[in-house]
mmCIF file of all heavy atoms, coordinates in Angstrom:
data_MODEL
# 
_entry.id   MODEL 
# 
loop_
_atom_site.group_PDB 
_atom_site.id 
_atom_site.type_symbol 
_atom_site.label_atom_id 
_atom_site.label_alt_id 
_atom_site.label_comp_id 
_atom_site.label_asym_id 
_atom_site.label_entity_id 
_atom_site.label_seq_id 
_atom_site.pdbx_PDB_ins_code 
_atom_site.Cartn_x 
_atom_site.Cartn_y 
_atom_site.Cartn_z 
_atom_site.occupancy 
_atom_site.B_iso_or_equiv 
_atom_site.pdbx_formal_charge 
_atom_site.auth_seq_id 
_atom_site.auth_comp_id 
_atom_site.auth_asym_id 
_atom_site.auth_atom_id 
_atom_site.pdbx_PDB_model_num 
ATOM 1   N N   . PRO A 1 1  ? 6.765  54.547 18.037  1.00 0.00 ? 1  PRO A N   1 
ATOM 2   C CA  . PRO A 1 1  ? 6.923  55.545 19.105  1.00 0.00 ? 1  PRO A CA  1 
ATOM 3   C C   . PRO A 1 1  ? 7.265  54.951 20.470  1.00 0.00 ? 1  PRO A C   1 
ATOM 4   O O   . PRO A 1 1  ? 7.805  55.660 21.330  1.00 0.00 ? 1  PRO A O   1 
ATOM 5   C CB  . PRO A 1 1  ? 5.557  56.245 19.146  1.00 0.00 ? 1  PRO A CB  1 
ATOM 6   C CG  . PRO A 1 1  ? 4.964  56.009 17.808  1.00 0.00 ? 1  PRO A CG  1 
ATOM 7   C CD  . PRO A 1 1  ? 5.450  54.662 17.385  1.00 0.00 ? 1  PRO A CD  1 
ATOM 8   N N   . SER A 1 2  ? 6.969  53.679 20.689  1.00 0.00 ? 2  SER A N   1 
ATOM 9   C CA  . SER A 1 2  ? 7.284  53.065 21.984  1.00 0.00 ? 2  SER A CA  1 
ATOM 10  C C   . SER A 1 2  ? 8.695  52.483 22.014  1.00 0.00 ? 2  SER A C   1 
ATOM 11  O O   . SER A 1 2  ? 9.169  52.041 23.053  1.00 0.00 ? 2  SER A O   1 
ATOM 12  C CB  . SER A 1 2  ? 6.261  51.980 22.324  1.00 0.00 ? 2  SER A CB  1 
ATOM 13  O OG  . SER A 1 2  ? 6.446  50.817 21.537  1.00 0.00 ? 2  SER A OG  1 
ATOM 14  N N   . GLY A 1 3  ? 9.381  52.464 20.848  1.00 0.00 ? 3  GLY A N   1 
ATOM 15  C CA  . GLY A 1 3  ? 10.757 51.998 20.798  1.00 0.00 ? 3  GLY A CA  1 
ATOM 16  C C   . GLY A 1 3  ? 10.970 50.655 20.125  1.00 0.00 ? 3  GLY A C   1 
ATOM 17  O O   . GLY A 1 3  ? 12.106 50.211 19.970  1.00 0.00 ? 3  GLY A O   1 
ATOM 18  N N   . ALA A 1 4  ? 9.893  49.976 19.730  1.00 0.00 ? 4  ALA A N   1 
ATOM 19  C CA  . ALA A 1 4  ? 10.035 48.680 19.061  1.00 0.00 ? 4  ALA A CA  1 
ATOM 20  C C   . ALA A 1 4  ? 10.499 48.884 17.622  1.00 0.00 ? 4  ALA A C   1 
ATOM 21  O O   . ALA A 1 4  ? 9.963  49.732 16.904  1.00 0.00 ? 4  ALA A O   1 
ATOM 22  C CB  . ALA A 1 4  ? 8.723  47.914 19.089  1.00 0.00 ? 4  ALA A CB  1 
ATOM 23  N N   . ARG A 1 5  ? 11.480 48.093 17.219  1.00 0.00 ? 5  ARG A N   1 
ATOM 24  C CA  . ARG A 1 5  ? 12.010 48.193 15.863  1.00 0.00 ? 5  ARG A CA  1 
ATOM 25  C C   . ARG A 1 5  ? 11.377 47.130 14.969  1.00 0.00 ? 5  ARG A C   1 
ATOM 26  O O   . ARG A 1 5  ? 11.133 46.000 15.388  1.00 0.00 ? 5  ARG A O   1 
ATOM 27  C CB  . ARG A 1 5  ? 13.534 48.008 15.877  1.00 0.00 ? 5  ARG A CB  1 
ATOM 28  C CG  . ARG A 1 5  ? 14.278 49.168 16.497  1.00 0.00 ? 5  ARG A CG  1 
ATOM 29  C CD  . ARG A 1 5  ? 15.783 48.929 16.516  1.00 0.00 ? 5  ARG A CD  1 
ATOM 30  N NE  . ARG A 1 5  ? 16.515 50.138 16.792  1.00 0.00 ? 5  ARG A NE  1 
ATOM 31  C CZ  . ARG A 1 5  ? 16.820 50.573 18.011  1.00 0.00 ? 5  ARG A CZ  1 
ATOM 32  N NH1 . ARG A 1 5  ? 16.432 49.864 19.066  1.00 0.00 ? 5  ARG A NH1 1 
ATOM 33  N NH2 . ARG A 1 5  ? 17.491 51.698 18.187  1.00 0.00 ? 5  ARG A NH2 1 
ATOM 34  N N   . VAL A 1 6  ? 11.149 47.491 13.701  1.00 0.00 ? 6  VAL A N   1 
ATOM 35  C CA  . VAL A 1 6  ? 10.595 46.551 12.732  1.00 0.00 ? 6  VAL A CA  1 
ATOM 36  C C   . VAL A 1 6  ? 11.032 47.003 11.346  1.00 0.00 ? 6  VAL A C   1 
ATOM 37  O O   . VAL A 1 6  ? 11.378 48.182 11.138  1.00 0.00 ? 6  VAL A O   1 
ATOM 38  C CB  . VAL A 1 6  ? 9.047  46.504 12.858  1.00 0.00 ? 6  VAL A CB  1 
ATOM 39  C CG1 . VAL A 1 6  ? 8.411  47.780 12.329  1.00 0.00 ? 6  VAL A CG1 1 
ATOM 40  C CG2 . VAL A 1 6  ? 8.476  45.273 12.187  1.00 0.00 ? 6  VAL A CG2 1 
ATOM 41  N N   . ASN A 1 7  ? 11.059 46.072 10.417  1.00 0.00 ? 7  ASN A N   1 
ATOM 42  C CA  . ASN A 1 7  ? 11.427 46.386 9.039   1.00 0.00 ? 7  ASN A CA  1 
ATOM 43  C C   . ASN A 1 7  ? 10.185 46.360 8.161   1.00 0.00 ? 7  ASN A C   1 
ATOM 44  O O   . ASN A 1 7  ? 9.288  45.536 8.354   1.00 0.00 ? 7  ASN A O   1 
ATOM 45  C CB  . ASN A 1 7  ? 12.444 45.370 8.517   1.00 0.00 ? 7  ASN A CB  1 
ATOM 46  C CG  . ASN A 1 7  ? 13.718 45.354 9.330   1.00 0.00 ? 7  ASN A CG  1 
ATOM 47  O OD1 . ASN A 1 7  ? 14.400 46.364 9.462   1.00 0.00 ? 7  ASN A OD1 1 
ATOM 48  N ND2 . ASN A 1 7  ? 14.050 44.207 9.906   1.00 0.00 ? 7  ASN A ND2 1 
ATOM 49  N N   . LEU A 1 8  ? 10.153 47.241 7.175   1.00 0.00 ? 8  LEU A N   1 
ATOM 50  C CA  . LEU A 1 8  ? 9.086  47.264 6.188   1.00 0.00 ? 8  LEU A CA  1 
ATOM 51  C C   . LEU A 1 8  ? 9.639  46.694 4.889   1.00 0.00 ? 8  LEU A C   1 
ATOM 52  O O   . LEU A 1 8  ? 10.737 47.064 4.466   1.00 0.00 ? 8  LEU A O   1 
ATOM 53  C CB  . LEU A 1 8  ? 8.587  48.695 5.967   1.00 0.00 ? 8  LEU A CB  1 
ATOM 54  C CG  . LEU A 1 8  ? 8.152  49.467 7.222   1.00 0.00 ? 8  LEU A CG  1 
ATOM 55  C CD1 . LEU A 1 8  ? 7.701  50.870 6.846   1.00 0.00 ? 8  LEU A CD1 1 
ATOM 56  C CD2 . LEU A 1 8  ? 7.049  48.725 7.975   1.00 0.00 ? 8  LEU A CD2 1 
ATOM 57  N N   . TRP A 1 9  ? 8.880  45.797 4.256   1.00 0.00 ? 9  TRP A N   1 
ATOM 58  C CA  . TRP A 1 9  ? 9.382  45.087 3.070   1.00 0.00 ? 9  TRP A CA  1 
ATOM 59  C C   . TRP A 1 9  ? 8.408  45.202 1.902   1.00 0.00 ? 9  TRP A C   1 
ATOM 60  O O   . TRP A 1 9  ? 7.259  44.780 2.001   1.00 0.00 ? 9  TRP A O   1 
ATOM 61  C CB  . TRP A 1 9  ? 9.616  43.617 3.391   1.00 0.00 ? 9  TRP A CB  1 
ATOM 62  C CG  . TRP A 1 9  ? 10.165 42.831 2.238   1.00 0.00 ? 9  TRP A CG  1 
ATOM 63  C CD1 . TRP A 1 9  ? 9.474  41.964 1.430   1.00 0.00 ? 9  TRP A CD1 1 
ATOM 64  C CD2 . TRP A 1 9  ? 11.516 42.832 1.758   1.00 0.00 ? 9  TRP A CD2 1 
ATOM 65  N NE1 . TRP A 1 9  ? 10.317 41.425 0.481   1.00 0.00 ? 9  TRP A NE1 1 
ATOM 66  C CE2 . TRP A 1 9  ? 11.578 41.937 0.660   1.00 0.00 ? 9  TRP A CE2 1 
ATOM 67  C CE3 . TRP A 1 9  ? 12.680 43.495 2.168   1.00 0.00 ? 9  TRP A CE3 1 
ATOM 68  C CZ2 . TRP A 1 9  ? 12.751 41.700 -0.044  1.00 0.00 ? 9  TRP A CZ2 1 
ATOM 69  C CZ3 . TRP A 1 9  ? 13.851 43.257 1.469   1.00 0.00 ? 9  TRP A CZ3 1 
ATOM 70  C CH2 . TRP A 1 9  ? 13.885 42.373 0.385   1.00 0.00 ? 9  TRP A CH2 1 
ATOM 71  N N   . GLN A 1 10 ? 8.899  45.772 0.804   1.00 0.00 ? 10 GLN A N   1 
ATOM 72  C CA  . GLN A 1 10 ? 8.156  45.796 -0.452  1.00 0.00 ? 10 GLN A CA  1 
ATOM 73  C C   . GLN A 1 10 ? 8.740  44.715 -1.345  1.00 0.00 ? 10 GLN A C   1 
ATOM 74  O O   . GLN A 1 10 ? 9.905  44.764 -1.726  1.00 0.00 ? 10 GLN A O   1 
ATOM 75  C CB  . GLN A 1 10 ? 8.281  47.166 -1.120  1.00 0.00 ? 10 GLN A CB  1 
ATOM 76  C CG  . GLN A 1 10 ? 7.568  47.267 -2.461  1.00 0.00 ? 10 GLN A CG  1 
ATOM 77  C CD  . GLN A 1 10 ? 7.805  48.612 -3.132  1.00 0.00 ? 10 GLN A CD  1 
ATOM 78  O OE1 . GLN A 1 10 ? 8.091  49.615 -2.466  1.00 0.00 ? 10 GLN A OE1 1 
ATOM 79  N NE2 . GLN A 1 10 ? 7.698  48.641 -4.447  1.00 0.00 ? 10 GLN A NE2 1 
ATOM 80  N N   . ALA A 1 11 ? 7.955  43.725 -1.666  1.00 0.00 ? 11 ALA A N   1 
ATOM 81  C CA  . ALA A 1 11 ? 8.455  42.561 -2.398  1.00 0.00 ? 11 ALA A CA  1 
ATOM 82  C C   . ALA A 1 11 ? 8.903  42.911 -3.804  1.00 0.00 ? 11 ALA A C   1 
ATOM 83  O O   . ALA A 1 11 ? 8.258  43.690 -4.509  1.00 0.00 ? 11 ALA A O   1 
ATOM 84  C CB  . ALA A 1 11 ? 7.384  41.485 -2.459  1.00 0.00 ? 11 ALA A CB  1 
ATOM 85  N N   . GLY A 1 12 ? 10.053 42.319 -4.180  1.00 0.00 ? 12 GLY A N   1 
ATOM 86  C CA  . GLY A 1 12 ? 10.505 42.318 -5.555  1.00 0.00 ? 12 GLY A CA  1 
ATOM 87  C C   . GLY A 1 12 ? 10.479 40.873 -6.007  1.00 0.00 ? 12 GLY A C   1 
ATOM 88  O O   . GLY A 1 12 ? 9.430  40.260 -6.125  1.00 0.00 ? 12 GLY A O   1 
ATOM 89  N N   . GLN A 1 13 ? 11.667 40.299 -6.181  1.00 0.00 ? 13 GLN A N   1 
ATOM 90  C CA  . GLN A 1 13 ? 11.735 38.879 -6.507  1.00 0.00 ? 13 GLN A CA  1 
ATOM 91  C C   . GLN A 1 13 ? 11.387 38.003 -5.307  1.00 0.00 ? 13 GLN A C   1 
ATOM 92  O O   . GLN A 1 13 ? 11.022 36.843 -5.473  1.00 0.00 ? 13 GLN A O   1 
ATOM 93  C CB  . GLN A 1 13 ? 13.132 38.523 -7.028  1.00 0.00 ? 13 GLN A CB  1 
ATOM 94  C CG  . GLN A 1 13 ? 13.476 39.136 -8.375  1.00 0.00 ? 13 GLN A CG  1 
ATOM 95  C CD  . GLN A 1 13 ? 14.871 38.753 -8.842  1.00 0.00 ? 13 GLN A CD  1 
ATOM 96  O OE1 . GLN A 1 13 ? 15.641 38.129 -8.108  1.00 0.00 ? 13 GLN A OE1 1 
ATOM 97  N NE2 . GLN A 1 13 ? 15.212 39.142 -10.060 1.00 0.00 ? 13 GLN A NE2 1 
ATOM 98  N N   . SER A 1 14 ? 11.514 38.545 -4.098  1.00 0.00 ? 14 SER A N   1 
ATOM 99  C CA  . SER A 1 14 ? 11.231 37.780 -2.882  1.00 0.00 ? 14 SER A CA  1 
ATOM 100 C C   . SER A 1 14 ? 10.087 38.400 -2.102  1.00 0.00 ? 14 SER A C   1 
ATOM 101 O O   . SER A 1 14 ? 10.099 39.598 -1.808  1.00 0.00 ? 14 SER A O   1 
ATOM 102 C CB  . SER A 1 14 ? 12.469 37.713 -1.983  1.00 0.00 ? 14 SER A CB  1 
ATOM 103 O OG  . SER A 1 14 ? 12.160 37.122 -0.736  1.00 0.00 ? 14 SER A OG  1 
ATOM 104 N N   . ILE A 1 15 ? 9.100  37.563 -1.748  1.00 0.00 ? 15 ILE A N   1 
ATOM 105 C CA  . ILE A 1 15 ? 8.022  38.047 -0.884  1.00 0.00 ? 15 ILE A CA  1 
ATOM 106 C C   . ILE A 1 15 ? 8.401  37.957 0.583   1.00 0.00 ? 15 ILE A C   1 
ATOM 107 O O   . ILE A 1 15 ? 7.767  38.553 1.444   1.00 0.00 ? 15 ILE A O   1 
ATOM 108 C CB  . ILE A 1 15 ? 6.717  37.253 -1.111  1.00 0.00 ? 15 ILE A CB  1 
ATOM 109 C CG1 . ILE A 1 15 ? 6.923  35.771 -0.744  1.00 0.00 ? 15 ILE A CG1 1 
ATOM 110 C CG2 . ILE A 1 15 ? 6.218  37.412 -2.536  1.00 0.00 ? 15 ILE A CG2 1 
ATOM 111 C CD1 . ILE A 1 15 ? 5.627  34.999 -0.592  1.00 0.00 ? 15 ILE A CD1 1 
ATOM 112 N N   . GLY A 1 16 ? 9.454  37.160 0.884   1.00 0.00 ? 16 GLY A N   1 
ATOM 113 C CA  . GLY A 1 16 ? 9.846  36.901 2.267   1.00 0.00 ? 16 GLY A CA  1 
ATOM 114 C C   . GLY A 1 16 ? 9.738  35.427 2.569   1.00 0.00 ? 16 GLY A C   1 
ATOM 115 O O   . GLY A 1 16 ? 10.305 34.594 1.853   1.00 0.00 ? 16 GLY A O   1 
ATOM 116 N N   . SER A 1 17 ? 8.988  35.071 3.588   1.00 0.00 ? 17 SER A N   1 
ATOM 117 C CA  . SER A 1 17 ? 8.833  33.665 3.978   1.00 0.00 ? 17 SER A CA  1 
ATOM 118 C C   . SER A 1 17 ? 7.838  32.977 3.046   1.00 0.00 ? 17 SER A C   1 
ATOM 119 O O   . SER A 1 17 ? 6.663  33.352 2.993   1.00 0.00 ? 17 SER A O   1 
ATOM 120 C CB  . SER A 1 17 ? 8.341  33.549 5.424   1.00 0.00 ? 17 SER A CB  1 
ATOM 121 O OG  . SER A 1 17 ? 9.265  34.132 6.324   1.00 0.00 ? 17 SER A OG  1 
ATOM 122 N N   . VAL A 1 18 ? 8.316  31.957 2.335   1.00 0.00 ? 18 VAL A N   1 
ATOM 123 C CA  . VAL A 1 18 ? 7.447  31.217 1.417   1.00 0.00 ? 18 VAL A CA  1 
ATOM 124 C C   . VAL A 1 18 ? 6.681  30.129 2.161   1.00 0.00 ? 18 VAL A C   1 
ATOM 125 O O   . VAL A 1 18 ? 5.552  29.803 1.818   1.00 0.00 ? 18 VAL A O   1 
ATOM 126 C CB  . VAL A 1 18 ? 8.281  30.602 0.270   1.00 0.00 ? 18 VAL A CB  1 
ATOM 127 C CG1 . VAL A 1 18 ? 7.428  29.725 -0.629  1.00 0.00 ? 18 VAL A CG1 1 
ATOM 128 C CG2 . VAL A 1 18 ? 8.956  31.712 -0.540  1.00 0.00 ? 18 VAL A CG2 1 
ATOM 129 N N   . ARG A 1 19 ? 7.283  29.560 3.192   1.00 0.00 ? 19 ARG A N   1 
ATOM 130 C CA  . ARG A 1 19 ? 6.624  28.510 3.981   1.00 0.00 ? 19 ARG A CA  1 
ATOM 131 C C   . ARG A 1 19 ? 6.455  29.003 5.417   1.00 0.00 ? 19 ARG A C   1 
ATOM 132 O O   . ARG A 1 19 ? 7.409  29.450 6.050   1.00 0.00 ? 19 ARG A O   1 
ATOM 133 C CB  . ARG A 1 19 ? 7.435  27.210 3.941   1.00 0.00 ? 19 ARG A CB  1 
ATOM 134 C CG  . ARG A 1 19 ? 6.728  26.022 4.591   1.00 0.00 ? 19 ARG A CG  1 
ATOM 135 C CD  . ARG A 1 19 ? 7.533  24.739 4.461   1.00 0.00 ? 19 ARG A CD  1 
ATOM 136 N NE  . ARG A 1 19 ? 7.583  24.254 3.096   1.00 0.00 ? 19 ARG A NE  1 
ATOM 137 C CZ  . ARG A 1 19 ? 6.686  23.444 2.551   1.00 0.00 ? 19 ARG A CZ  1 
ATOM 138 N NH1 . ARG A 1 19 ? 5.643  23.034 3.266   1.00 0.00 ? 19 ARG A NH1 1 
ATOM 139 N NH2 . ARG A 1 19 ? 6.810  23.034 1.304   1.00 0.00 ? 19 ARG A NH2 1 
ATOM 140 N N   . VAL A 1 20 ? 5.247  28.891 5.938   1.00 0.00 ? 20 VAL A N   1 
ATOM 141 C CA  . VAL A 1 20 ? 4.924  29.355 7.291   1.00 0.00 ? 20 VAL A CA  1 
ATOM 142 C C   . VAL A 1 20 ? 3.933  28.385 7.939   1.00 0.00 ? 20 VAL A C   1 
ATOM 143 O O   . VAL A 1 20 ? 3.395  27.488 7.282   1.00 0.00 ? 20 VAL A O   1 
ATOM 144 C CB  . VAL A 1 20 ? 4.316  30.779 7.280   1.00 0.00 ? 20 VAL A CB  1 
ATOM 145 C CG1 . VAL A 1 20 ? 5.314  31.798 6.746   1.00 0.00 ? 20 VAL A CG1 1 
ATOM 146 C CG2 . VAL A 1 20 ? 3.036  30.821 6.441   1.00 0.00 ? 20 VAL A CG2 1 
ATOM 147 N N   . ASN A 1 21 ? 3.729  28.582 9.245   1.00 0.00 ? 21 ASN A N   1 
ATOM 148 C CA  . ASN A 1 21 ? 2.644  27.914 9.974   1.00 0.00 ? 21 ASN A CA  1 
ATOM 149 C C   . ASN A 1 21 ? 2.740  26.395 9.996   1.00 0.00 ? 21 ASN A C   1 
ATOM 150 O O   . ASN A 1 21 ? 1.715  25.709 10.080  1.00 0.00 ? 21 ASN A O   1 
ATOM 151 C CB  . ASN A 1 21 ? 1.271  28.317 9.403   1.00 0.00 ? 21 ASN A CB  1 
ATOM 152 C CG  . ASN A 1 21 ? 1.029  29.809 9.468   1.00 0.00 ? 21 ASN A CG  1 
ATOM 153 O OD1 . ASN A 1 21 ? 1.679  30.524 10.235  1.00 0.00 ? 21 ASN A OD1 1 
ATOM 154 N ND2 . ASN A 1 21 ? 0.120  30.299 8.651   1.00 0.00 ? 21 ASN A ND2 1 
ATOM 155 N N   . GLU A 1 22 ? 3.956  25.852 9.920   1.00 0.00 ? 22 GLU A N   1 
ATOM 156 C CA  . GLU A 1 22 ? 4.147  24.420 10.105  1.00 0.00 ? 22 GLU A CA  1 
ATOM 157 C C   . GLU A 1 22 ? 5.478  24.220 10.796  1.00 0.00 ? 22 GLU A C   1 
ATOM 158 O O   . GLU A 1 22 ? 6.269  25.161 10.933  1.00 0.00 ? 22 GLU A O   1 
ATOM 159 C CB  . GLU A 1 22 ? 4.060  23.674 8.778   1.00 0.00 ? 22 GLU A CB  1 
ATOM 160 C CG  . GLU A 1 22 ? 5.088  24.052 7.747   1.00 0.00 ? 22 GLU A CG  1 
ATOM 161 C CD  . GLU A 1 22 ? 4.903  23.218 6.470   1.00 0.00 ? 22 GLU A CD  1 
ATOM 162 O OE1 . GLU A 1 22 ? 3.876  23.364 5.793   1.00 0.00 ? 22 GLU A OE1 1 
ATOM 163 O OE2 . GLU A 1 22 ? 5.803  22.427 6.168   1.00 0.00 ? 22 GLU A OE2 1 
ATOM 164 N N   . PRO A 1 23 ? 5.769  23.013 11.302  1.00 0.00 ? 23 PRO A N   1 
ATOM 165 C CA  . PRO A 1 23 ? 6.953  22.824 12.138  1.00 0.00 ? 23 PRO A CA  1 
ATOM 166 C C   . PRO A 1 23 ? 8.237  23.405 11.544  1.00 0.00 ? 23 PRO A C   1 
ATOM 167 O O   . PRO A 1 23 ? 8.569  23.176 10.380  1.00 0.00 ? 23 PRO A O   1 
ATOM 168 C CB  . PRO A 1 23 ? 7.024  21.306 12.271  1.00 0.00 ? 23 PRO A CB  1 
ATOM 169 C CG  . PRO A 1 23 ? 5.594  20.878 12.243  1.00 0.00 ? 23 PRO A CG  1 
ATOM 170 C CD  . PRO A 1 23 ? 4.957  21.780 11.227  1.00 0.00 ? 23 PRO A CD  1 
ATOM 171 N N   . GLY A 1 24 ? 8.936  24.189 12.385  1.00 0.00 ? 24 GLY A N   1 
ATOM 172 C CA  . GLY A 1 24 ? 10.178 24.831 11.988  1.00 0.00 ? 24 GLY A CA  1 
ATOM 173 C C   . GLY A 1 24 ? 10.010 26.201 11.380  1.00 0.00 ? 24 GLY A C   1 
ATOM 174 O O   . GLY A 1 24 ? 10.998 26.898 11.145  1.00 0.00 ? 24 GLY A O   1 
ATOM 175 N N   . CYS A 1 25 ? 8.768  26.611 11.114  1.00 0.00 ? 25 CYS A N   1 
ATOM 176 C CA  . CYS A 1 25 ? 8.498  27.858 10.398  1.00 0.00 ? 25 CYS A CA  1 
ATOM 177 C C   . CYS A 1 25 ? 7.848  28.903 11.306  1.00 0.00 ? 25 CYS A C   1 
ATOM 178 O O   . CYS A 1 25 ? 7.217  28.562 12.309  1.00 0.00 ? 25 CYS A O   1 
ATOM 179 C CB  . CYS A 1 25 ? 7.574  27.588 9.218   1.00 0.00 ? 25 CYS A CB  1 
ATOM 180 S SG  . CYS A 1 25 ? 8.207  26.394 8.028   1.00 0.00 ? 25 CYS A SG  1 
ATOM 181 N N   . PRO A 1 26 ? 7.958  30.189 10.945  1.00 0.00 ? 26 PRO A N   1 
ATOM 182 C CA  . PRO A 1 26 ? 7.257  31.215 11.708  1.00 0.00 ? 26 PRO A CA  1 
ATOM 183 C C   . PRO A 1 26 ? 5.753  30.965 11.680  1.00 0.00 ? 26 PRO A C   1 
ATOM 184 O O   . PRO A 1 26 ? 5.190  30.598 10.641  1.00 0.00 ? 26 PRO A O   1 
ATOM 185 C CB  . PRO A 1 26 ? 7.605  32.517 10.968  1.00 0.00 ? 26 PRO A CB  1 
ATOM 186 C CG  . PRO A 1 26 ? 8.819  32.202 10.157  1.00 0.00 ? 26 PRO A CG  1 
ATOM 187 C CD  . PRO A 1 26 ? 8.714  30.763 9.803   1.00 0.00 ? 26 PRO A CD  1 
ATOM 188 N N   . ILE A 1 27 ? 5.114  31.163 12.828  1.00 0.00 ? 27 ILE A N   1 
ATOM 189 C CA  . ILE A 1 27 ? 3.658  30.974 12.900  1.00 0.00 ? 27 ILE A CA  1 
ATOM 190 C C   . ILE A 1 27 ? 2.955  32.172 13.516  1.00 0.00 ? 27 ILE A C   1 
ATOM 191 O O   . ILE A 1 27 ? 1.769  32.391 13.282  1.00 0.00 ? 27 ILE A O   1 
ATOM 192 C CB  . ILE A 1 27 ? 3.313  29.684 13.682  1.00 0.00 ? 27 ILE A CB  1 
ATOM 193 C CG1 . ILE A 1 27 ? 1.823  29.349 13.567  1.00 0.00 ? 27 ILE A CG1 1 
ATOM 194 C CG2 . ILE A 1 27 ? 3.772  29.776 15.149  1.00 0.00 ? 27 ILE A CG2 1 
ATOM 195 C CD1 . ILE A 1 27 ? 1.446  27.995 14.099  1.00 0.00 ? 27 ILE A CD1 1 
# 
């Protein structure tokens, strides 16, 4: 409602990010 856009993801073969929280990765 405030205007921020985001995507919703239901995993199939891909869950999304497999590696996170370390250098170079989303944290």
